[in-house]
PDB file of all heavy atoms in Angstrom:
ATOM      1  N   LEU A   1       5.252   5.415  -3.045  1.00  0.00           N
ATOM      2  CA  LEU A   1       4.939   4.747  -1.788  1.00  0.00           C
ATOM      3  C   LEU A   1       5.871   5.314  -0.718  1.00  0.00           C
ATOM      4  O   LEU A   1       7.076   5.375  -0.905  1.00  0.00           O
ATOM      5  CB  LEU A   1       5.130   3.242  -1.917  1.00  0.00           C
ATOM      6  CG  LEU A   1       4.135   2.572  -2.875  1.00  0.00           C
ATOM      7  CD1 LEU A   1       4.535   1.129  -3.137  1.00  0.00           C
ATOM      8  CD2 LEU A   1       2.713   2.643  -2.328  1.00  0.00           C
ATOM      9  N   SER A   2       5.304   5.740   0.403  1.00  0.00           N
ATOM     10  CA  SER A   2       6.077   6.431   1.447  1.00  0.00           C
ATOM     11  C   SER A   2       6.521   5.436   2.542  1.00  0.00           C
ATOM     12  O   SER A   2       6.056   4.305   2.593  1.00  0.00           O
ATOM     13  CB  SER A   2       5.247   7.549   2.095  1.00  0.00           C
ATOM     14  OG  SER A   2       4.290   7.008   2.933  1.00  0.00           O
ATOM     15  N   GLN A   3       7.347   5.910   3.412  1.00  0.00           N
ATOM     16  CA  GLN A   3       7.781   5.122   4.558  1.00  0.00           C
ATOM     17  C   GLN A   3       6.568   4.740   5.401  1.00  0.00           C
ATOM     18  O   GLN A   3       6.538   3.670   5.993  1.00  0.00           O
ATOM     19  CB  GLN A   3       8.807   5.919   5.363  1.00  0.00           C
ATOM     20  CG  GLN A   3       9.558   5.057   6.347  1.00  0.00           C
ATOM     21  CD  GLN A   3      10.371   3.946   5.669  1.00  0.00           C
ATOM     22  OE1 GLN A   3      11.061   4.209   4.675  1.00  0.00           O
ATOM     23  NE2 GLN A   3      10.287   2.758   6.196  1.00  0.00           N
ATOM     24  N   ALA A   4       5.576   5.621   5.450  1.00  0.00           N
ATOM     25  CA  ALA A   4       4.355   5.332   6.208  1.00  0.00           C
ATOM     26  C   ALA A   4       3.579   4.164   5.617  1.00  0.00           C
ATOM     27  O   ALA A   4       2.782   3.517   6.296  1.00  0.00           O
ATOM     28  CB  ALA A   4       3.459   6.574   6.266  1.00  0.00           C
ATOM     29  N   ASP A   5       3.820   3.842   4.328  1.00  0.00           N
ATOM     30  CA  ASP A   5       3.149   2.706   3.683  1.00  0.00           C
ATOM     31  C   ASP A   5       3.832   1.369   4.000  1.00  0.00           C
ATOM     32  O   ASP A   5       3.232   0.322   3.785  1.00  0.00           O
ATOM     33  CB  ASP A   5       3.121   2.890   2.153  1.00  0.00           C
ATOM     34  CG  ASP A   5       2.291   4.090   1.747  1.00  0.00           C
ATOM     35  OD1 ASP A   5       1.214   4.319   2.331  1.00  0.00           O
ATOM     36  OD2 ASP A   5       2.718   4.805   0.804  1.00  0.00           O
ATOM     37  N   ALA A   6       5.056   1.425   4.495  1.00  0.00           N
ATOM     38  CA  ALA A   6       5.805   0.192   4.834  1.00  0.00           C
ATOM     39  C   ALA A   6       5.099  -0.452   6.023  1.00  0.00           C
ATOM     40  O   ALA A   6       4.833   0.160   7.027  1.00  0.00           O
ATOM     41  CB  ALA A   6       7.232   0.513   5.134  1.00  0.00           C
ATOM     42  N   HIS A   7       4.827  -1.744   5.861  1.00  0.00           N
ATOM     43  CA  HIS A   7       4.047  -2.453   6.884  1.00  0.00           C
ATOM     44  C   HIS A   7       4.869  -3.611   7.466  1.00  0.00           C
ATOM     45  O   HIS A   7       4.558  -4.123   8.548  1.00  0.00           O
ATOM     46  CB  HIS A   7       2.746  -2.962   6.275  1.00  0.00           C
ATOM     47  CG  HIS A   7       1.789  -3.500   7.255  1.00  0.00           C
ATOM     48  ND1 HIS A   7       1.088  -2.724   8.135  1.00  0.00           N
ATOM     49  CD2 HIS A   7       1.382  -4.781   7.508  1.00  0.00           C
ATOM     50  CE1 HIS A   7       0.291  -3.483   8.871  1.00  0.00           C
ATOM     51  NE2 HIS A   7       0.467  -4.751   8.507  1.00  0.00           N
ATOM     52  N   TYR A   8       5.858  -4.066   6.754  1.00  0.00           N
ATOM     53  CA  TYR A   8       6.671  -5.211   7.182  1.00  0.00           C
ATOM     54  C   TYR A   8       8.152  -4.854   7.131  1.00  0.00           C
ATOM     55  O   TYR A   8       8.533  -3.816   6.578  1.00  0.00           O
ATOM     56  CB  TYR A   8       6.391  -6.398   6.242  1.00  0.00           C
ATOM     57  CG  TYR A   8       4.946  -6.839   6.273  1.00  0.00           C
ATOM     58  CD1 TYR A   8       4.117  -6.588   5.173  1.00  0.00           C
ATOM     59  CD2 TYR A   8       4.421  -7.521   7.343  1.00  0.00           C
ATOM     60  CE1 TYR A   8       2.792  -6.976   5.177  1.00  0.00           C
ATOM     61  CE2 TYR A   8       3.096  -7.954   7.329  1.00  0.00           C
ATOM     62  CZ  TYR A   8       2.283  -7.661   6.261  1.00  0.00           C
ATOM     63  OH  TYR A   8       0.976  -8.060   6.262  1.00  0.00           O
ATOM     64  N   GLY A   9       8.984  -5.741   7.664  1.00  0.00           N
ATOM     65  CA  GLY A   9      10.405  -5.570   7.635  1.00  0.00           C
ATOM     66  C   GLY A   9      10.930  -5.365   6.230  1.00  0.00           C
ATOM     67  O   GLY A   9      10.301  -5.840   5.256  1.00  0.00           O
ATOM     68  N   GLY A  10      12.047  -4.701   6.089  1.00  0.00           N
ATOM     69  CA  GLY A  10      12.626  -4.468   4.773  1.00  0.00           C
ATOM     70  C   GLY A  10      11.860  -3.463   3.936  1.00  0.00           C
ATOM     71  O   GLY A  10      11.972  -3.434   2.713  1.00  0.00           O
ATOM     72  N   ASN A  11      11.032  -2.626   4.581  1.00  0.00           N
ATOM     73  CA  ASN A  11      10.229  -1.618   3.918  1.00  0.00           C
ATOM     74  C   ASN A  11       9.190  -2.170   2.986  1.00  0.00           C
ATOM     75  O   ASN A  11       8.753  -1.477   2.033  1.00  0.00           O
ATOM     76  CB  ASN A  11      11.126  -0.619   3.188  1.00  0.00           C
ATOM     77  CG  ASN A  11      11.877   0.304   4.135  1.00  0.00           C
ATOM     78  OD1 ASN A  11      11.320   0.663   5.188  1.00  0.00           O
ATOM     79  ND2 ASN A  11      13.106   0.661   3.790  1.00  0.00           N
ATOM     80  N   LEU A  12       8.806  -3.422   3.187  1.00  0.00           N
ATOM     81  CA  LEU A  12       7.784  -4.042   2.360  1.00  0.00           C
ATOM     82  C   LEU A  12       6.416  -3.425   2.575  1.00  0.00           C
ATOM     83  O   LEU A  12       6.022  -3.204   3.725  1.00  0.00           O
ATOM     84  CB  LEU A  12       7.758  -5.535   2.663  1.00  0.00           C
ATOM     85  CG  LEU A  12       6.862  -6.428   1.761  1.00  0.00           C
ATOM     86  CD1 LEU A  12       7.409  -6.432   0.339  1.00  0.00           C
ATOM     87  CD2 LEU A  12       6.840  -7.851   2.316  1.00  0.00           C
ATOM     88  N   VAL A  13       5.705  -3.147   1.504  1.00  0.00           N
ATOM     89  CA  VAL A  13       4.360  -2.562   1.559  1.00  0.00           C
ATOM     90  C   VAL A  13       3.327  -3.684   1.438  1.00  0.00           C
ATOM     91  O   VAL A  13       3.444  -4.536   0.566  1.00  0.00           O
ATOM     92  CB  VAL A  13       4.177  -1.509   0.416  1.00  0.00           C
ATOM     93  CG1 VAL A  13       2.746  -0.997   0.384  1.00  0.00           C
ATOM     94  CG2 VAL A  13       5.156  -0.366   0.627  1.00  0.00           C
ATOM     95  N   ALA A  14       2.328  -3.676   2.268  1.00  0.00           N
ATOM     96  CA  ALA A  14       1.278  -4.709   2.258  1.00  0.00           C
ATOM     97  C   ALA A  14       0.483  -4.641   0.980  1.00  0.00           C
ATOM     98  O   ALA A  14       0.187  -3.527   0.445  1.00  0.00           O
ATOM     99  CB  ALA A  14       0.380  -4.554   3.482  1.00  0.00           C
ATOM    100  N   GLY A  15       0.062  -5.787   0.510  1.00  0.00           N
ATOM    101  CA  GLY A  15      -0.798  -5.831  -0.681  1.00  0.00           C
ATOM    102  C   GLY A  15      -2.102  -5.092  -0.471  1.00  0.00           C
ATOM    103  O   GLY A  15      -2.698  -4.596  -1.433  1.00  0.00           O
ATOM    104  N   ALA A  16      -2.541  -5.003   0.781  1.00  0.00           N
ATOM    105  CA  ALA A  16      -3.783  -4.249   1.066  1.00  0.00           C
ATOM    106  C   ALA A  16      -3.668  -2.800   0.643  1.00  0.00           C
ATOM    107  O   ALA A  16      -4.652  -2.187   0.230  1.00  0.00           O
ATOM    108  CB  ALA A  16      -4.103  -4.355   2.556  1.00  0.00           C
ATOM    109  N   LYS A  17      -2.470  -2.218   0.723  1.00  0.00           N
ATOM    110  CA  LYS A  17      -2.273  -0.846   0.261  1.00  0.00           C
ATOM    111  C   LYS A  17      -2.539  -0.732  -1.231  1.00  0.00           C
ATOM    112  O   LYS A  17      -3.180   0.215  -1.691  1.00  0.00           O
ATOM    113  CB  LYS A  17      -0.859  -0.365   0.612  1.00  0.00           C
ATOM    114  CG  LYS A  17      -0.548   1.027   0.098  1.00  0.00           C
ATOM    115  CD  LYS A  17      -1.445   2.088   0.751  1.00  0.00           C
ATOM    116  CE  LYS A  17      -1.147   3.478   0.229  1.00  0.00           C
ATOM    117  NZ  LYS A  17      -1.954   4.497   0.866  1.00  0.00           N
ATOM    118  N   LEU A  18      -2.060  -1.720  -1.998  1.00  0.00           N
ATOM    119  CA  LEU A  18      -2.296  -1.692  -3.438  1.00  0.00           C
ATOM    120  C   LEU A  18      -3.784  -1.844  -3.764  1.00  0.00           C
ATOM    121  O   LEU A  18      -4.316  -1.195  -4.652  1.00  0.00           O
ATOM    122  CB  LEU A  18      -1.477  -2.783  -4.112  1.00  0.00           C
ATOM    123  CG  LEU A  18       0.042  -2.734  -3.854  1.00  0.00           C
ATOM    124  CD1 LEU A  18       0.740  -3.833  -4.631  1.00  0.00           C
ATOM    125  CD2 LEU A  18       0.617  -1.371  -4.198  1.00  0.00           C
ATOM    126  N   MET A  19      -4.482  -2.675  -2.963  1.00  0.00           N
ATOM    127  CA  MET A  19      -5.915  -2.826  -3.170  1.00  0.00           C
ATOM    128  C   MET A  19      -6.644  -1.536  -2.817  1.00  0.00           C
ATOM    129  O   MET A  19      -7.648  -1.218  -3.452  1.00  0.00           O
ATOM    130  CB  MET A  19      -6.426  -4.017  -2.360  1.00  0.00           C
ATOM    131  CG  MET A  19      -5.869  -5.342  -2.913  1.00  0.00           C
ATOM    132  SD  MET A  19      -6.412  -6.772  -1.973  1.00  0.00           S
ATOM    133  CE  MET A  19      -8.096  -6.871  -2.497  1.00  0.00           C
ATOM    134  N   GLU A  20      -6.193  -0.807  -1.822  1.00  0.00           N
ATOM    135  CA  GLU A  20      -6.773   0.498  -1.482  1.00  0.00           C
ATOM    136  C   GLU A  20      -6.651   1.425  -2.689  1.00  0.00           C
ATOM    137  O   GLU A  20      -7.588   2.154  -3.013  1.00  0.00           O
ATOM    138  CB  GLU A  20      -6.054   1.083  -0.270  1.00  0.00           C
ATOM    139  CG  GLU A  20      -6.512   2.485   0.093  1.00  0.00           C
ATOM    140  CD  GLU A  20      -5.693   3.088   1.209  1.00  0.00           C
ATOM    141  OE1 GLU A  20      -4.954   2.379   1.920  1.00  0.00           O
ATOM    142  OE2 GLU A  20      -5.754   4.322   1.355  1.00  0.00           O
ATOM    143  N   LEU A  21      -5.504   1.372  -3.355  1.00  0.00           N
ATOM    144  CA  LEU A  21      -5.310   2.226  -4.532  1.00  0.00           C
ATOM    145  C   LEU A  21      -6.185   1.794  -5.695  1.00  0.00           C
ATOM    146  O   LEU A  21      -6.659   2.623  -6.469  1.00  0.00           O
ATOM    147  CB  LEU A  21      -3.829   2.253  -4.906  1.00  0.00           C
ATOM    148  CG  LEU A  21      -2.930   2.899  -3.862  1.00  0.00           C
ATOM    149  CD1 LEU A  21      -1.460   2.648  -4.174  1.00  0.00           C
ATOM    150  CD2 LEU A  21      -3.209   4.373  -3.692  1.00  0.00           C
ATOM    151  N   PHE A  22      -6.420   0.489  -5.829  1.00  0.00           N
ATOM    152  CA  PHE A  22      -7.381   0.032  -6.846  1.00  0.00           C
ATOM    153  C   PHE A  22      -8.762   0.668  -6.576  1.00  0.00           C
ATOM    154  O   PHE A  22      -9.447   1.095  -7.507  1.00  0.00           O
ATOM    155  CB  PHE A  22      -7.549  -1.509  -6.823  1.00  0.00           C
ATOM    156  CG  PHE A  22      -6.355  -2.283  -7.330  1.00  0.00           C
ATOM    157  CD1 PHE A  22      -6.141  -3.579  -6.881  1.00  0.00           C
ATOM    158  CD2 PHE A  22      -5.493  -1.764  -8.262  1.00  0.00           C
ATOM    159  CE1 PHE A  22      -5.092  -4.332  -7.362  1.00  0.00           C
ATOM    160  CE2 PHE A  22      -4.421  -2.503  -8.748  1.00  0.00           C
ATOM    161  CZ  PHE A  22      -4.242  -3.795  -8.285  1.00  0.00           C
ATOM    162  N   GLY A  23      -9.141   0.740  -5.308  1.00  0.00           N
ATOM    163  CA  GLY A  23     -10.401   1.360  -4.943  1.00  0.00           C
ATOM    164  C   GLY A  23     -10.462   2.823  -5.351  1.00  0.00           C
ATOM    165  O   GLY A  23     -11.487   3.327  -5.740  1.00  0.00           O
ATOM    166  N   ASP A  24      -9.328   3.537  -5.171  1.00  0.00           N
ATOM    167  CA  ASP A  24      -9.273   4.955  -5.533  1.00  0.00           C
ATOM    168  C   ASP A  24      -9.475   5.130  -7.054  1.00  0.00           C
ATOM    169  O   ASP A  24     -10.202   6.001  -7.501  1.00  0.00           O
ATOM    170  CB  ASP A  24      -7.942   5.581  -5.124  1.00  0.00           C
ATOM    171  CG  ASP A  24      -7.781   5.712  -3.623  1.00  0.00           C
ATOM    172  OD1 ASP A  24      -8.798   5.635  -2.895  1.00  0.00           O
ATOM    173  OD2 ASP A  24      -6.647   5.904  -3.160  1.00  0.00           O
ATOM    174  N   VAL A  25      -8.844   4.269  -7.822  1.00  0.00           N
ATOM    175  CA  VAL A  25      -8.988   4.326  -9.285  1.00  0.00           C
ATOM    176  C   VAL A  25     -10.433   3.931  -9.660  1.00  0.00           C
ATOM    177  O   VAL A  25     -11.024   4.561 -10.552  1.00  0.00           O
ATOM    178  CB  VAL A  25      -7.948   3.418  -9.981  1.00  0.00           C
ATOM    179  CG1 VAL A  25      -8.230   3.281 -11.454  1.00  0.00           C
ATOM    180  CG2 VAL A  25      -6.551   4.003  -9.776  1.00  0.00           C
ATOM    181  N   ALA A  26     -11.005   2.943  -9.002  1.00  0.00           N
ATOM    182  CA  ALA A  26     -12.372   2.544  -9.288  1.00  0.00           C
ATOM    183  C   ALA A  26     -13.333   3.701  -9.031  1.00  0.00           C
ATOM    184  O   ALA A  26     -14.284   3.940  -9.789  1.00  0.00           O
ATOM    185  CB  ALA A  26     -12.757   1.340  -8.433  1.00  0.00           C
ATOM    186  N   THR A  27     -13.113   4.441  -7.941  1.00  0.00           N
ATOM    187  CA  THR A  27     -13.943   5.606  -7.639  1.00  0.00           C
ATOM    188  C   THR A  27     -13.877   6.608  -8.771  1.00  0.00           C
ATOM    189  O   THR A  27     -14.912   7.129  -9.222  1.00  0.00           O
ATOM    190  CB  THR A  27     -13.508   6.257  -6.327  1.00  0.00           C
ATOM    191  OG1 THR A  27     -13.717   5.309  -5.255  1.00  0.00           O
ATOM    192  CG2 THR A  27     -14.301   7.508  -6.042  1.00  0.00           C
TER     193      THR A  27
END
């Protein structure tokens, strides 16, 4: 997960990013 994936303070990545990756695996 890159700095560009950080969406909130403290470098927290949004759960939506993980769901996007679920979609990639589903494809």
